């Protein structure tokens, strides 16, 4: 048994989360690797089949997506971005990069004055494909976030037929992540080197 498996699950999660953050921070060439990962995402059949796609906007050391947003907006998909309000993720229909601004914590997010526009609000059940960020993953598709549960709550309500595809650097992959009964597994994880099929839901 590995050291993580011998630990209390909470301690194991904490250790993996800290290691993953350190790995991701130390990752070199994030821009070109992120570009490769985003291109692989766009090349997936799930992307081709989807009409409405949720794309996260990178924060800190995550796989970078923001430089790819203009290309996505120029295509024929409805592009939706999440933003956080009181611990819940809301969904915003993004049509132009000018609709974003740097908000709290230096996070790029939809302008406050646009969020209440009815045409900009998107229900999670409208999503045909969900791009998911994360701190750490394993080859089964298990995901570990920041521990706040924002994405867990959102993904619980995504349609069962809407694939969940996570983006990650290879350095964020671990042999096994402790999971709970309610944890949601990814359908795929895309790294700079490969596409890993997960268990899904």
N, C-alpha and C. Protein backbone atom coordinates (compact mmCIF):
# COMPACT_ATOMS: atom_id res chain seq x y z
N UNK A 1 0.84 -1.20 0.00
CA UNK A 1 0.00 0.00 0.00
C UNK A 1 0.88 1.25 0.00
N UNK A 2 0.41 2.26 -0.72
CA UNK A 2 1.17 3.50 -0.75
C UNK A 2 0.95 4.25 0.56
N UNK A 3 1.80 5.23 0.78
CA UNK A 3 1.67 6.03 2.00
C UNK A 3 0.32 6.74 2.05
N UNK A 4 -0.14 7.21 0.86
CA UNK A 4 -1.44 7.91 0.82
C UNK A 4 -2.59 6.99 1.24
N UNK A 5 -2.51 5.70 0.83
CA UNK A 5 -3.59 4.77 1.16
C UNK A 5 -3.62 4.44 2.66
N UNK A 6 -2.47 4.54 3.30
CA UNK A 6 -2.41 4.25 4.74
C UNK A 6 -2.91 5.42 5.57
N UNK A 7 -2.93 6.60 4.97
CA UNK A 7 -3.37 7.79 5.69
C UNK A 7 -4.88 7.84 5.83
N UNK A 8 -5.34 8.67 6.75
CA UNK A 8 -6.74 9.06 6.83
C UNK A 8 -7.08 9.73 5.48
N UNK A 9 -8.27 9.42 4.89
CA UNK A 9 -8.60 9.98 3.57
C UNK A 9 -8.46 11.51 3.49
N UNK A 10 -8.84 12.19 4.58
CA UNK A 10 -8.72 13.66 4.56
C UNK A 10 -7.25 14.09 4.51
N UNK A 11 -6.43 13.37 5.27
CA UNK A 11 -4.99 13.68 5.26
C UNK A 11 -4.40 13.37 3.89
N UNK A 12 -4.84 12.24 3.30
CA UNK A 12 -4.34 11.85 1.99
C UNK A 12 -4.72 12.90 0.94
N UNK A 13 -5.97 13.37 1.00
CA UNK A 13 -6.43 14.40 0.07
C UNK A 13 -5.60 15.67 0.24
N UNK A 14 -5.37 16.04 1.49
CA UNK A 14 -4.60 17.26 1.77
C UNK A 14 -3.19 17.13 1.19
N UNK A 15 -2.57 15.96 1.39
CA UNK A 15 -1.20 15.74 0.90
C UNK A 15 -1.16 15.79 -0.62
N UNK A 16 -2.13 15.14 -1.26
CA UNK A 16 -2.19 15.13 -2.74
C UNK A 16 -2.43 16.54 -3.27
N UNK A 17 -3.36 17.25 -2.62
CA UNK A 17 -3.69 18.61 -3.07
C UNK A 17 -2.45 19.51 -3.00
N UNK A 18 -1.72 19.42 -1.89
CA UNK A 18 -0.51 20.24 -1.73
C UNK A 18 0.55 19.88 -2.76
N UNK A 19 0.72 18.57 -3.00
CA UNK A 19 1.70 18.12 -3.99
C UNK A 19 1.31 18.56 -5.40
N UNK A 20 0.02 18.44 -5.70
CA UNK A 20 -0.47 18.83 -7.04
C UNK A 20 -0.27 20.32 -7.27
N UNK A 21 -0.57 21.13 -6.24
CA UNK A 21 -0.37 22.58 -6.37
C UNK A 21 1.11 22.90 -6.62
N UNK A 22 1.98 22.22 -5.87
CA UNK A 22 3.42 22.44 -6.03
C UNK A 22 3.87 22.02 -7.42
N UNK A 23 3.38 20.87 -7.88
CA UNK A 23 3.73 20.37 -9.22
C UNK A 23 3.29 21.36 -10.30
N UNK A 24 2.06 21.84 -10.14
CA UNK A 24 1.49 22.72 -11.16
C UNK A 24 2.22 24.07 -11.18
N UNK A 25 2.57 24.54 -9.99
CA UNK A 25 3.30 25.81 -9.90
C UNK A 25 4.67 25.69 -10.58
N UNK A 26 5.31 24.53 -10.42
CA UNK A 26 6.65 24.31 -10.97
C UNK A 26 6.64 23.96 -12.46
N UNK A 27 5.45 23.70 -12.99
CA UNK A 27 5.34 23.28 -14.40
C UNK A 27 5.87 24.38 -15.33
N UNK A 28 6.79 24.02 -16.19
CA UNK A 28 7.33 25.00 -17.15
C UNK A 28 6.51 24.99 -18.44
N UNK A 29 6.69 26.04 -19.22
CA UNK A 29 6.05 26.15 -20.55
C UNK A 29 4.54 25.98 -20.49
N UNK A 30 3.90 26.61 -19.51
CA UNK A 30 2.44 26.45 -19.35
C UNK A 30 1.67 26.91 -20.59
N UNK A 31 2.11 28.02 -21.21
CA UNK A 31 1.37 28.55 -22.36
C UNK A 31 1.34 27.57 -23.54
N UNK A 32 2.51 27.11 -24.03
CA UNK A 32 2.44 26.19 -25.17
C UNK A 32 1.78 24.86 -24.82
N UNK A 33 1.99 24.37 -23.61
CA UNK A 33 1.34 23.10 -23.21
C UNK A 33 -0.17 23.28 -23.13
N UNK A 34 -0.60 24.43 -22.59
CA UNK A 34 -2.03 24.72 -22.50
C UNK A 34 -2.64 24.81 -23.89
N UNK A 35 -1.90 25.42 -24.81
CA UNK A 35 -2.38 25.55 -26.19
C UNK A 35 -2.61 24.16 -26.80
N UNK A 36 -1.66 23.27 -26.56
CA UNK A 36 -1.77 21.90 -27.09
C UNK A 36 -2.99 21.19 -26.49
N UNK A 37 -3.17 21.37 -25.19
CA UNK A 37 -4.30 20.72 -24.49
C UNK A 37 -5.63 21.26 -25.02
N UNK A 38 -5.72 22.58 -25.20
CA UNK A 38 -6.96 23.18 -25.71
C UNK A 38 -7.26 22.74 -27.15
N UNK A 39 -6.21 22.62 -27.95
CA UNK A 39 -6.40 22.15 -29.33
C UNK A 39 -6.91 20.71 -29.34
N UNK A 40 -6.40 19.90 -28.42
CA UNK A 40 -6.86 18.50 -28.32
C UNK A 40 -8.33 18.46 -27.89
N UNK A 41 -8.71 19.37 -26.98
CA UNK A 41 -10.11 19.46 -26.53
C UNK A 41 -11.03 19.75 -27.72
N UNK A 42 -10.64 20.72 -28.53
CA UNK A 42 -11.45 21.12 -29.69
C UNK A 42 -11.54 19.99 -30.73
N UNK A 43 -10.52 19.14 -30.75
CA UNK A 43 -10.48 18.04 -31.74
C UNK A 43 -11.31 16.83 -31.32
N UNK A 44 -11.87 16.85 -30.10
CA UNK A 44 -12.63 15.68 -29.63
C UNK A 44 -14.00 15.60 -30.32
N UNK A 45 -14.48 14.37 -30.56
CA UNK A 45 -15.81 14.22 -31.18
C UNK A 45 -16.92 14.82 -30.32
N UNK A 46 -16.72 14.82 -29.00
CA UNK A 46 -17.73 15.40 -28.10
C UNK A 46 -17.89 16.90 -28.35
N UNK A 47 -16.77 17.54 -28.69
CA UNK A 47 -16.83 18.98 -28.99
C UNK A 47 -17.57 19.20 -30.31
N UNK A 48 -17.24 18.40 -31.30
CA UNK A 48 -17.90 18.52 -32.61
C UNK A 48 -19.41 18.35 -32.49
N UNK A 49 -19.84 17.45 -31.62
CA UNK A 49 -21.26 17.14 -31.48
C UNK A 49 -22.03 18.16 -30.64
N UNK A 50 -21.32 18.95 -29.84
CA UNK A 50 -21.98 19.84 -28.88
C UNK A 50 -22.39 21.17 -29.51
N UNK A 51 -23.52 21.70 -29.06
CA UNK A 51 -23.95 23.04 -29.48
C UNK A 51 -23.60 24.07 -28.40
N UNK A 52 -23.76 23.67 -27.13
CA UNK A 52 -23.49 24.58 -26.00
C UNK A 52 -22.38 23.97 -25.14
N UNK A 53 -21.27 24.70 -25.04
CA UNK A 53 -20.07 24.18 -24.37
C UNK A 53 -19.68 25.09 -23.22
N UNK A 54 -19.51 24.52 -22.04
CA UNK A 54 -18.98 25.31 -20.92
C UNK A 54 -17.46 25.24 -20.92
N UNK A 55 -16.85 26.41 -20.83
CA UNK A 55 -15.38 26.52 -20.80
C UNK A 55 -15.00 27.28 -19.53
N UNK A 56 -14.17 26.70 -18.69
CA UNK A 56 -13.73 27.45 -17.51
C UNK A 56 -12.70 28.49 -17.92
N UNK A 57 -12.59 29.56 -17.16
CA UNK A 57 -11.54 30.56 -17.39
C UNK A 57 -10.46 30.30 -16.33
N UNK A 58 -9.24 30.09 -16.81
CA UNK A 58 -8.18 29.66 -15.89
C UNK A 58 -7.91 30.67 -14.77
N UNK A 59 -7.57 30.10 -13.61
CA UNK A 59 -7.19 30.87 -12.43
C UNK A 59 -5.79 30.41 -12.02
N UNK A 60 -4.94 31.35 -11.69
CA UNK A 60 -3.58 31.04 -11.21
C UNK A 60 -2.86 30.05 -12.13
N UNK A 61 -2.54 28.86 -11.63
CA UNK A 61 -1.66 27.95 -12.39
C UNK A 61 -2.41 26.85 -13.16
N UNK A 62 -3.73 27.00 -13.32
CA UNK A 62 -4.49 25.99 -14.07
C UNK A 62 -4.07 25.98 -15.54
N UNK A 63 -4.43 24.90 -16.23
CA UNK A 63 -4.26 24.88 -17.69
C UNK A 63 -4.95 26.12 -18.24
N UNK A 64 -4.22 26.88 -19.02
CA UNK A 64 -4.72 28.19 -19.46
C UNK A 64 -5.70 28.04 -20.62
N UNK A 65 -6.86 28.67 -20.46
CA UNK A 65 -7.91 28.60 -21.48
C UNK A 65 -8.23 29.96 -22.07
N UNK A 66 -7.91 31.04 -21.35
CA UNK A 66 -8.39 32.36 -21.77
C UNK A 66 -7.85 32.77 -23.15
N UNK A 67 -6.60 32.35 -23.46
CA UNK A 67 -6.04 32.73 -24.76
C UNK A 67 -6.75 31.99 -25.90
N UNK A 68 -7.51 30.95 -25.55
CA UNK A 68 -8.23 30.17 -26.57
C UNK A 68 -9.68 30.64 -26.74
N UNK A 69 -10.15 31.46 -25.82
CA UNK A 69 -11.55 31.89 -25.87
C UNK A 69 -11.92 32.62 -27.17
N UNK A 70 -11.08 33.56 -27.68
CA UNK A 70 -11.48 34.22 -28.93
C UNK A 70 -11.69 33.25 -30.08
N UNK A 71 -10.85 32.23 -30.15
CA UNK A 71 -11.00 31.21 -31.20
C UNK A 71 -12.31 30.45 -31.04
N UNK A 72 -12.65 30.12 -29.80
CA UNK A 72 -13.90 29.40 -29.53
C UNK A 72 -15.10 30.29 -29.87
N UNK A 73 -15.00 31.57 -29.52
CA UNK A 73 -16.11 32.50 -29.77
C UNK A 73 -16.32 32.73 -31.27
N UNK A 74 -15.27 32.55 -32.05
CA UNK A 74 -15.37 32.74 -33.50
C UNK A 74 -16.03 31.55 -34.19
N UNK A 75 -16.20 30.46 -33.47
CA UNK A 75 -16.81 29.25 -34.05
C UNK A 75 -18.32 29.29 -33.97
N UNK A 76 -18.95 28.12 -34.16
CA UNK A 76 -20.42 28.08 -34.21
C UNK A 76 -21.05 27.53 -32.93
N UNK A 77 -20.27 27.48 -31.85
CA UNK A 77 -20.81 26.96 -30.58
C UNK A 77 -21.30 28.09 -29.68
N UNK A 78 -22.26 27.77 -28.83
CA UNK A 78 -22.60 28.70 -27.73
C UNK A 78 -21.56 28.44 -26.64
N UNK A 79 -20.79 29.45 -26.30
CA UNK A 79 -19.74 29.31 -25.29
C UNK A 79 -20.23 29.90 -23.97
N UNK A 80 -20.18 29.07 -22.95
CA UNK A 80 -20.69 29.45 -21.62
C UNK A 80 -19.52 29.42 -20.65
N UNK A 81 -19.43 30.45 -19.78
CA UNK A 81 -18.38 30.47 -18.76
C UNK A 81 -19.01 30.52 -17.37
N UNK A 82 -18.40 29.84 -16.40
CA UNK A 82 -18.93 29.87 -15.04
C UNK A 82 -18.32 31.03 -14.23
N UNK A 83 -19.06 31.49 -13.25
CA UNK A 83 -18.52 32.46 -12.30
C UNK A 83 -19.16 32.17 -10.95
N UNK A 84 -18.51 32.57 -9.90
CA UNK A 84 -18.95 32.18 -8.55
C UNK A 84 -19.73 33.29 -7.86
N UNK A 85 -20.87 32.92 -7.28
CA UNK A 85 -21.67 33.84 -6.47
C UNK A 85 -22.09 33.10 -5.19
N UNK A 86 -21.63 33.60 -4.07
CA UNK A 86 -22.01 33.00 -2.77
C UNK A 86 -21.82 31.48 -2.73
N UNK A 87 -20.68 31.03 -3.22
CA UNK A 87 -20.36 29.60 -3.13
C UNK A 87 -21.02 28.72 -4.18
N UNK A 88 -21.76 29.35 -5.10
CA UNK A 88 -22.41 28.59 -6.18
C UNK A 88 -21.86 29.07 -7.51
N UNK A 89 -21.78 28.16 -8.48
CA UNK A 89 -21.36 28.57 -9.82
C UNK A 89 -22.58 28.93 -10.65
N UNK A 90 -22.57 30.13 -11.21
CA UNK A 90 -23.60 30.57 -12.15
C UNK A 90 -23.01 30.47 -13.56
N UNK A 91 -23.86 30.40 -14.57
CA UNK A 91 -23.40 30.23 -15.94
C UNK A 91 -23.78 31.43 -16.80
N UNK A 92 -22.82 31.88 -17.63
CA UNK A 92 -22.97 33.10 -18.42
C UNK A 92 -22.70 32.79 -19.89
N UNK A 93 -23.60 33.22 -20.77
CA UNK A 93 -23.40 33.04 -22.21
C UNK A 93 -22.43 34.12 -22.70
N UNK A 94 -21.23 33.69 -23.07
CA UNK A 94 -20.18 34.63 -23.49
C UNK A 94 -20.19 34.77 -25.01
N UNK A 95 -20.34 36.00 -25.49
CA UNK A 95 -20.37 36.23 -26.93
C UNK A 95 -19.21 37.10 -27.40
N UNK A 96 -18.55 37.76 -26.45
CA UNK A 96 -17.49 38.69 -26.80
C UNK A 96 -16.53 38.82 -25.62
N UNK A 97 -15.23 38.91 -25.89
CA UNK A 97 -14.25 39.04 -24.81
C UNK A 97 -14.45 40.33 -24.01
N UNK A 98 -15.10 41.34 -24.64
CA UNK A 98 -15.36 42.61 -23.95
C UNK A 98 -16.36 42.45 -22.81
N UNK A 99 -17.04 41.30 -22.76
CA UNK A 99 -18.02 41.08 -21.68
C UNK A 99 -17.35 40.61 -20.39
N UNK A 100 -16.04 40.44 -20.42
CA UNK A 100 -15.29 39.99 -19.25
C UNK A 100 -14.49 41.14 -18.64
N UNK A 101 -14.26 41.05 -17.34
CA UNK A 101 -13.40 42.01 -16.65
C UNK A 101 -12.68 41.31 -15.50
N UNK A 102 -11.61 41.92 -15.02
CA UNK A 102 -10.89 41.36 -13.87
C UNK A 102 -11.68 41.70 -12.61
N UNK A 103 -12.15 40.66 -11.92
CA UNK A 103 -12.95 40.87 -10.73
C UNK A 103 -12.13 40.64 -9.46
N UNK A 104 -12.82 40.21 -8.42
CA UNK A 104 -12.16 39.92 -7.16
C UNK A 104 -11.10 38.83 -7.34
N UNK A 105 -10.08 38.87 -6.53
CA UNK A 105 -9.00 37.88 -6.56
C UNK A 105 -8.31 37.83 -7.93
N UNK A 106 -8.43 38.93 -8.70
CA UNK A 106 -7.78 39.02 -10.02
C UNK A 106 -8.26 37.92 -10.97
N UNK A 107 -9.52 37.51 -10.80
CA UNK A 107 -10.10 36.48 -11.65
C UNK A 107 -10.86 37.16 -12.79
N UNK A 108 -10.65 36.66 -14.01
CA UNK A 108 -11.38 37.17 -15.17
C UNK A 108 -12.78 36.58 -15.16
N UNK A 109 -13.78 37.46 -15.13
CA UNK A 109 -15.16 36.96 -15.02
C UNK A 109 -16.13 37.91 -15.73
N UNK A 110 -17.38 37.45 -15.94
CA UNK A 110 -18.36 38.31 -16.63
C UNK A 110 -18.58 39.61 -15.87
N UNK A 111 -18.77 40.70 -16.63
CA UNK A 111 -19.03 42.00 -16.01
C UNK A 111 -20.31 41.93 -15.17
N UNK A 112 -20.25 42.53 -14.01
CA UNK A 112 -21.37 42.46 -13.05
C UNK A 112 -22.67 42.96 -13.68
N UNK A 113 -22.59 44.06 -14.46
CA UNK A 113 -23.81 44.65 -15.00
C UNK A 113 -24.48 43.79 -16.07
N UNK A 114 -23.76 42.79 -16.59
CA UNK A 114 -24.33 41.92 -17.62
C UNK A 114 -24.94 40.64 -17.04
N UNK A 115 -24.62 40.34 -15.80
CA UNK A 115 -25.01 39.03 -15.25
C UNK A 115 -26.51 38.84 -15.10
N UNK A 116 -27.24 39.94 -14.90
CA UNK A 116 -28.69 39.82 -14.71
C UNK A 116 -29.48 39.93 -16.02
N UNK A 117 -28.78 40.13 -17.12
CA UNK A 117 -29.47 40.18 -18.42
C UNK A 117 -30.02 38.78 -18.71
N UNK A 118 -31.34 38.64 -18.86
CA UNK A 118 -31.94 37.30 -19.02
C UNK A 118 -31.30 36.46 -20.12
N UNK A 119 -30.97 37.08 -21.25
CA UNK A 119 -30.40 36.32 -22.38
C UNK A 119 -29.01 35.78 -22.08
N UNK A 120 -28.39 36.29 -21.02
CA UNK A 120 -27.03 35.87 -20.67
C UNK A 120 -27.01 34.71 -19.68
N UNK A 121 -28.15 34.46 -19.05
CA UNK A 121 -28.22 33.39 -18.06
C UNK A 121 -28.40 32.04 -18.73
N UNK A 122 -27.64 31.07 -18.30
CA UNK A 122 -27.72 29.73 -18.90
C UNK A 122 -27.98 28.72 -17.78
N UNK A 123 -28.89 27.81 -18.04
CA UNK A 123 -29.16 26.74 -17.07
C UNK A 123 -28.19 25.59 -17.32
N UNK A 124 -27.75 24.95 -16.25
CA UNK A 124 -26.77 23.87 -16.39
C UNK A 124 -27.26 22.75 -17.32
N UNK A 125 -28.57 22.55 -17.39
CA UNK A 125 -29.12 21.48 -18.23
C UNK A 125 -29.02 21.79 -19.73
N UNK A 126 -28.68 23.04 -20.07
CA UNK A 126 -28.48 23.40 -21.48
C UNK A 126 -27.12 22.95 -21.99
N UNK A 127 -26.20 22.62 -21.08
CA UNK A 127 -24.84 22.30 -21.49
C UNK A 127 -24.77 20.94 -22.17
N UNK A 128 -24.13 20.90 -23.35
CA UNK A 128 -23.93 19.64 -24.08
C UNK A 128 -22.55 19.05 -23.79
N UNK A 129 -21.64 19.88 -23.29
CA UNK A 129 -20.28 19.46 -22.99
C UNK A 129 -19.73 20.39 -21.91
N UNK A 130 -19.05 19.80 -20.93
CA UNK A 130 -18.52 20.59 -19.81
C UNK A 130 -17.01 20.41 -19.71
N UNK A 131 -16.28 21.51 -19.84
CA UNK A 131 -14.84 21.51 -19.60
C UNK A 131 -14.62 21.77 -18.10
N UNK A 132 -13.84 20.89 -17.48
CA UNK A 132 -13.71 20.93 -16.02
C UNK A 132 -12.25 21.17 -15.61
N UNK A 133 -12.02 22.14 -14.70
CA UNK A 133 -10.68 22.28 -14.15
C UNK A 133 -10.53 21.38 -12.93
N UNK A 134 -9.35 21.30 -12.38
CA UNK A 134 -9.16 20.51 -11.16
C UNK A 134 -7.73 20.66 -10.68
N UNK A 135 -7.52 20.21 -9.45
CA UNK A 135 -6.18 20.27 -8.84
C UNK A 135 -5.42 18.99 -9.12
N UNK A 136 -6.11 17.84 -8.96
CA UNK A 136 -5.46 16.54 -9.16
C UNK A 136 -6.46 15.55 -9.73
N UNK A 137 -5.94 14.56 -10.45
CA UNK A 137 -6.78 13.54 -11.09
C UNK A 137 -6.08 12.20 -11.00
N UNK A 138 -6.85 11.11 -11.22
CA UNK A 138 -6.21 9.81 -11.43
C UNK A 138 -6.76 9.20 -12.72
N UNK A 139 -6.21 8.06 -13.11
CA UNK A 139 -6.54 7.47 -14.41
C UNK A 139 -7.96 6.94 -14.50
N UNK A 140 -8.66 6.84 -13.38
CA UNK A 140 -10.07 6.42 -13.41
C UNK A 140 -10.99 7.58 -13.79
N UNK A 141 -10.41 8.79 -13.74
CA UNK A 141 -11.24 9.97 -13.97
C UNK A 141 -11.67 10.64 -12.69
N UNK A 142 -11.15 10.15 -11.55
CA UNK A 142 -11.46 10.80 -10.27
C UNK A 142 -10.81 12.18 -10.27
N UNK A 143 -11.51 13.15 -9.67
CA UNK A 143 -11.05 14.54 -9.67
C UNK A 143 -11.01 15.09 -8.25
N UNK A 144 -10.01 15.91 -8.01
CA UNK A 144 -9.95 16.64 -6.76
C UNK A 144 -9.88 18.13 -7.07
N UNK A 145 -10.79 18.89 -6.48
CA UNK A 145 -10.78 20.33 -6.68
C UNK A 145 -10.10 21.02 -5.51
N UNK A 146 -10.53 22.25 -5.26
CA UNK A 146 -9.92 23.01 -4.16
C UNK A 146 -10.55 22.68 -2.81
N UNK A 147 -11.55 21.82 -2.82
CA UNK A 147 -12.18 21.43 -1.56
C UNK A 147 -13.39 22.27 -1.20
N UNK A 148 -13.78 23.19 -2.08
CA UNK A 148 -14.95 24.05 -1.82
C UNK A 148 -16.24 23.45 -2.34
N UNK A 149 -16.13 22.51 -3.27
CA UNK A 149 -17.33 21.83 -3.78
C UNK A 149 -18.11 22.59 -4.83
N UNK A 150 -17.56 23.72 -5.35
CA UNK A 150 -18.30 24.50 -6.35
C UNK A 150 -18.65 23.66 -7.57
N UNK A 151 -17.63 22.99 -8.13
CA UNK A 151 -17.86 22.21 -9.34
C UNK A 151 -18.65 20.96 -9.05
N UNK A 152 -18.47 20.36 -7.88
CA UNK A 152 -19.24 19.16 -7.52
C UNK A 152 -20.74 19.47 -7.60
N UNK A 153 -21.13 20.63 -7.03
CA UNK A 153 -22.55 21.01 -7.03
C UNK A 153 -23.05 21.20 -8.46
N UNK A 154 -22.24 21.86 -9.27
CA UNK A 154 -22.64 22.12 -10.66
C UNK A 154 -22.76 20.82 -11.45
N UNK A 155 -21.75 19.96 -11.33
CA UNK A 155 -21.70 18.74 -12.13
C UNK A 155 -22.80 17.76 -11.76
N UNK A 156 -23.27 17.82 -10.52
CA UNK A 156 -24.39 16.96 -10.09
C UNK A 156 -25.63 17.22 -10.94
N UNK A 157 -25.76 18.47 -11.42
CA UNK A 157 -26.97 18.87 -12.15
C UNK A 157 -26.78 18.87 -13.67
N UNK A 158 -25.57 18.57 -14.12
CA UNK A 158 -25.35 18.49 -15.57
C UNK A 158 -26.09 17.28 -16.12
N UNK A 159 -26.56 17.37 -17.37
CA UNK A 159 -27.26 16.24 -17.98
C UNK A 159 -26.35 15.02 -18.03
N UNK A 160 -26.89 13.82 -17.77
CA UNK A 160 -26.07 12.60 -17.81
C UNK A 160 -25.40 12.36 -19.16
N UNK A 161 -26.00 12.89 -20.24
CA UNK A 161 -25.43 12.67 -21.57
C UNK A 161 -24.48 13.80 -21.98
N UNK A 162 -24.21 14.74 -21.08
CA UNK A 162 -23.27 15.83 -21.37
C UNK A 162 -21.89 15.42 -20.85
N UNK A 163 -20.94 15.09 -21.73
CA UNK A 163 -19.64 14.61 -21.27
C UNK A 163 -18.90 15.65 -20.42
N UNK A 164 -18.16 15.14 -19.44
CA UNK A 164 -17.32 15.97 -18.59
C UNK A 164 -15.88 15.71 -18.99
N UNK A 165 -15.22 16.73 -19.53
CA UNK A 165 -13.83 16.58 -19.98
C UNK A 165 -12.94 17.53 -19.19
N UNK A 166 -12.00 16.96 -18.45
CA UNK A 166 -11.10 17.75 -17.62
C UNK A 166 -9.82 18.06 -18.38
N UNK A 167 -9.26 19.24 -18.11
CA UNK A 167 -7.96 19.62 -18.65
C UNK A 167 -6.94 19.62 -17.52
N UNK A 168 -5.79 19.04 -17.76
CA UNK A 168 -4.77 18.96 -16.71
C UNK A 168 -3.39 18.79 -17.33
N UNK A 169 -2.38 19.22 -16.59
CA UNK A 169 -1.01 18.89 -16.97
C UNK A 169 -0.71 17.49 -16.44
N UNK A 170 0.22 16.79 -17.08
CA UNK A 170 0.61 15.45 -16.63
C UNK A 170 1.01 15.44 -15.14
N UNK A 171 1.60 16.54 -14.69
CA UNK A 171 2.08 16.62 -13.31
C UNK A 171 0.95 16.63 -12.28
N UNK A 172 -0.30 16.74 -12.75
CA UNK A 172 -1.45 16.73 -11.84
C UNK A 172 -2.07 15.34 -11.69
N UNK A 173 -1.48 14.35 -12.36
CA UNK A 173 -2.03 13.00 -12.29
C UNK A 173 -1.35 12.20 -11.18
N UNK A 174 -2.16 11.48 -10.41
CA UNK A 174 -1.68 10.67 -9.29
C UNK A 174 -2.18 9.24 -9.46
N UNK A 175 -1.49 8.26 -8.83
CA UNK A 175 -1.92 6.86 -8.98
C UNK A 175 -3.36 6.63 -8.54
N UNK A 176 -3.76 7.24 -7.43
CA UNK A 176 -5.15 7.09 -6.98
C UNK A 176 -5.52 8.22 -6.04
N UNK A 177 -6.70 8.78 -6.27
CA UNK A 177 -7.21 9.85 -5.42
C UNK A 177 -8.32 9.27 -4.54
N UNK A 178 -8.29 9.54 -3.23
CA UNK A 178 -9.39 9.07 -2.37
C UNK A 178 -10.71 9.68 -2.83
N UNK A 179 -11.73 8.87 -2.93
CA UNK A 179 -13.03 9.37 -3.40
C UNK A 179 -14.13 9.07 -2.39
N UNK A 180 -15.21 9.86 -2.49
CA UNK A 180 -16.41 9.64 -1.68
C UNK A 180 -17.51 9.16 -2.62
N UNK A 181 -18.58 8.64 -2.01
CA UNK A 181 -19.68 8.08 -2.81
C UNK A 181 -20.28 9.10 -3.77
N UNK A 182 -20.28 10.39 -3.39
CA UNK A 182 -20.94 11.41 -4.22
C UNK A 182 -20.01 11.99 -5.29
N UNK A 183 -18.74 11.61 -5.28
CA UNK A 183 -17.78 12.18 -6.23
C UNK A 183 -18.14 11.82 -7.67
N UNK A 184 -17.95 12.78 -8.56
CA UNK A 184 -18.27 12.61 -9.97
C UNK A 184 -16.98 12.33 -10.74
N UNK A 185 -16.99 11.27 -11.55
CA UNK A 185 -15.82 10.92 -12.35
C UNK A 185 -15.90 11.58 -13.73
N UNK A 186 -14.75 11.97 -14.24
CA UNK A 186 -14.68 12.58 -15.56
C UNK A 186 -14.84 11.52 -16.66
N UNK A 187 -15.37 11.94 -17.81
CA UNK A 187 -15.45 11.04 -18.97
C UNK A 187 -14.09 10.96 -19.67
N UNK A 188 -13.37 12.08 -19.64
CA UNK A 188 -12.03 12.11 -20.23
C UNK A 188 -11.18 13.12 -19.46
N UNK A 189 -9.87 12.87 -19.46
CA UNK A 189 -8.91 13.87 -18.99
C UNK A 189 -7.93 14.09 -20.13
N UNK A 190 -7.75 15.36 -20.50
CA UNK A 190 -6.81 15.69 -21.57
C UNK A 190 -5.58 16.34 -20.96
N UNK A 191 -4.42 15.77 -21.24
CA UNK A 191 -3.16 16.38 -20.82
C UNK A 191 -2.37 16.76 -22.07
N UNK A 192 -1.17 17.30 -21.86
CA UNK A 192 -0.33 17.66 -23.00
C UNK A 192 0.17 16.45 -23.77
N UNK A 193 0.03 15.25 -23.15
CA UNK A 193 0.58 14.05 -23.78
C UNK A 193 -0.47 13.05 -24.25
N UNK A 194 -1.65 13.06 -23.66
CA UNK A 194 -2.61 11.99 -23.97
C UNK A 194 -4.03 12.37 -23.59
N UNK A 195 -4.95 11.53 -24.06
CA UNK A 195 -6.37 11.63 -23.67
C UNK A 195 -6.68 10.36 -22.89
N UNK A 196 -7.07 10.55 -21.63
CA UNK A 196 -7.31 9.41 -20.74
C UNK A 196 -8.81 9.20 -20.60
N UNK A 197 -9.33 8.02 -20.95
CA UNK A 197 -10.76 7.77 -20.75
C UNK A 197 -11.04 7.51 -19.27
N UNK A 198 -12.02 8.23 -18.71
CA UNK A 198 -12.39 8.03 -17.31
C UNK A 198 -13.65 7.21 -17.20
N UNK A 199 -14.04 6.90 -15.98
CA UNK A 199 -15.25 6.09 -15.72
C UNK A 199 -16.50 6.83 -16.10
N UNK A 200 -16.46 8.18 -15.98
CA UNK A 200 -17.67 8.96 -16.22
C UNK A 200 -18.71 8.71 -15.14
N UNK A 201 -19.94 9.13 -15.43
CA UNK A 201 -21.00 8.93 -14.44
C UNK A 201 -21.71 7.64 -14.72
